[in-house]
Amino acid sequence: MSRQTIQLLEAFDALPAEEKRVFTAEFFRRVVPFDSGPLDDEETAHAADAIFAMLDAEEDDARSR
């Protein structure tokens, strides 16, 4: 992974949850469809864990309002 990609990921990680959601939606609108090949089970599980953690954090934040 390039240093530039690492910096982008670090900047994304520093965003508040709502900005991450907005950024992700906009990013997917801009991505050109491509075949990245099959994902293995470990990659899929890691992605699912990250998504559920983000959703849990958003839900907890909404409850505290």
C-alpha atoms as a PDB file:
ATOM      1  CA  MET A   1       0.000   0.000   0.000  1.00  0.00           C
ATOM      2  CA  SER A   2       1.359   3.419  -0.897  1.00  0.00           C
ATOM      3  CA  ARG A   3       2.020   6.133   1.690  1.00  0.00           C
ATOM      4  CA  GLN A   4      -0.631   8.274  -0.004  1.00  0.00           C
ATOM      5  CA  THR A   5      -3.240   5.539   0.439  1.00  0.00           C
ATOM      6  CA  ILE A   6      -2.265   5.110   4.091  1.00  0.00           C
ATOM      7  CA  GLN A   7      -2.678   8.860   4.629  1.00  0.00           C
ATOM      8  CA  LEU A   8      -6.141   8.778   3.049  1.00  0.00           C
ATOM      9  CA  LEU A   9      -7.180   5.902   5.297  1.00  0.00           C
ATOM     10  CA  GLU A  10      -5.823   7.644   8.394  1.00  0.00           C
ATOM     11  CA  ALA A  11      -7.715  10.823   7.488  1.00  0.00           C
ATOM     12  CA  PHE A  12     -10.890   8.784   6.988  1.00  0.00           C
ATOM     13  CA  ASP A  13     -10.435   7.087  10.380  1.00  0.00           C
ATOM     14  CA  ALA A  14     -10.196  10.520  12.028  1.00  0.00           C
ATOM     15  CA  LEU A  15     -13.579  11.663  10.668  1.00  0.00           C
ATOM     16  CA  PRO A  16     -16.704  11.697  12.837  1.00  0.00           C
ATOM     17  CA  ALA A  17     -19.145   8.853  12.094  1.00  0.00           C
ATOM     18  CA  GLU A  18     -21.570  11.019  10.105  1.00  0.00           C
ATOM     19  CA  GLU A  19     -18.773  12.370   7.900  1.00  0.00           C
ATOM     20  CA  LYS A  20     -17.556   8.813   7.310  1.00  0.00           C
ATOM     21  CA  ARG A  21     -21.041   7.894   6.115  1.00  0.00           C
ATOM     22  CA  VAL A  22     -21.249  10.908   3.800  1.00  0.00           C
ATOM     23  CA  PHE A  23     -17.742  10.322   2.455  1.00  0.00           C
ATOM     24  CA  THR A  24     -18.377   6.630   1.834  1.00  0.00           C
ATOM     25  CA  ALA A  25     -21.589   7.315  -0.076  1.00  0.00           C
ATOM     26  CA  GLU A  26     -19.845   9.919  -2.236  1.00  0.00           C
ATOM     27  CA  PHE A  27     -16.819   7.680  -2.783  1.00  0.00           C
ATOM     28  CA  PHE A  28     -19.004   4.829  -4.046  1.00  0.00           C
ATOM     29  CA  ARG A  29     -20.764   7.209  -6.433  1.00  0.00           C
ATOM     30  CA  ARG A  30     -17.381   8.034  -7.993  1.00  0.00           C
ATOM     31  CA  VAL A  31     -15.828   4.572  -8.162  1.00  0.00           C
ATOM     32  CA  VAL A  32     -15.674   3.026 -11.599  1.00  0.00           C
ATOM     33  CA  PRO A  33     -17.084  -0.498 -11.516  1.00  0.00           C
ATOM     34  CA  PHE A  34     -14.322  -3.084 -11.621  1.00  0.00           C
ATOM     35  CA  ASP A  35     -13.835  -6.739 -10.807  1.00  0.00           C
ATOM     36  CA  SER A  36     -11.598  -6.975  -7.774  1.00  0.00           C
ATOM     37  CA  GLY A  37     -11.837 -10.737  -7.721  1.00  0.00           C
ATOM     38  CA  PRO A  38     -13.311 -12.864  -4.980  1.00  0.00           C
ATOM     39  CA  LEU A  39     -12.947 -11.877  -1.334  1.00  0.00           C
ATOM     40  CA  ASP A  40     -11.781 -14.522   1.071  1.00  0.00           C
ATOM     41  CA  ASP A  41     -13.667 -15.298   4.274  1.00  0.00           C
ATOM     42  CA  GLU A  42     -11.228 -13.343   6.455  1.00  0.00           C
ATOM     43  CA  GLU A  43     -11.642 -10.165   4.368  1.00  0.00           C
ATOM     44  CA  THR A  44     -15.413 -10.500   4.407  1.00  0.00           C
ATOM     45  CA  ALA A  45     -15.520 -11.077   8.178  1.00  0.00           C
ATOM     46  CA  HIS A  46     -13.218  -8.096   8.826  1.00  0.00           C
ATOM     47  CA  ALA A  47     -15.382  -5.814   6.652  1.00  0.00           C
ATOM     48  CA  ALA A  48     -18.558  -7.003   8.385  1.00  0.00           C
ATOM     49  CA  ASP A  49     -17.020  -6.433  11.829  1.00  0.00           C
ATOM     50  CA  ALA A  50     -16.031  -2.896  10.869  1.00  0.00           C
ATOM     51  CA  ILE A  51     -19.473  -2.071   9.490  1.00  0.00           C
ATOM     52  CA  PHE A  52     -21.284  -3.457  12.543  1.00  0.00           C
ATOM     53  CA  ALA A  53     -18.955  -1.550  14.889  1.00  0.00           C
ATOM     54  CA  MET A  54     -19.681   1.670  13.012  1.00  0.00           C
ATOM     55  CA  LEU A  55     -23.440   1.034  13.083  1.00  0.00           C
ATOM     56  CA  ASP A  56     -23.323   0.236  16.815  1.00  0.00           C
ATOM     57  CA  ALA A  57     -21.425   3.473  17.477  1.00  0.00           C
ATOM     58  CA  GLU A  58     -23.989   5.457  15.478  1.00  0.00           C
ATOM     59  CA  GLU A  59     -26.846   3.789  17.358  1.00  0.00           C
ATOM     60  CA  ASP A  60     -25.217   4.496  20.730  1.00  0.00           C
ATOM     61  CA  ASP A  61     -24.650   8.115  19.684  1.00  0.00           C
ATOM     62  CA  ALA A  62     -28.303   8.483  18.668  1.00  0.00           C
ATOM     63  CA  ARG A  63     -29.488   7.076  22.007  1.00  0.00           C
ATOM     64  CA  SER A  64     -27.373   9.593  23.953  1.00  0.00           C
ATOM     65  CA  ARG A  65     -29.090  12.554  22.273  1.00  0.00           C
END
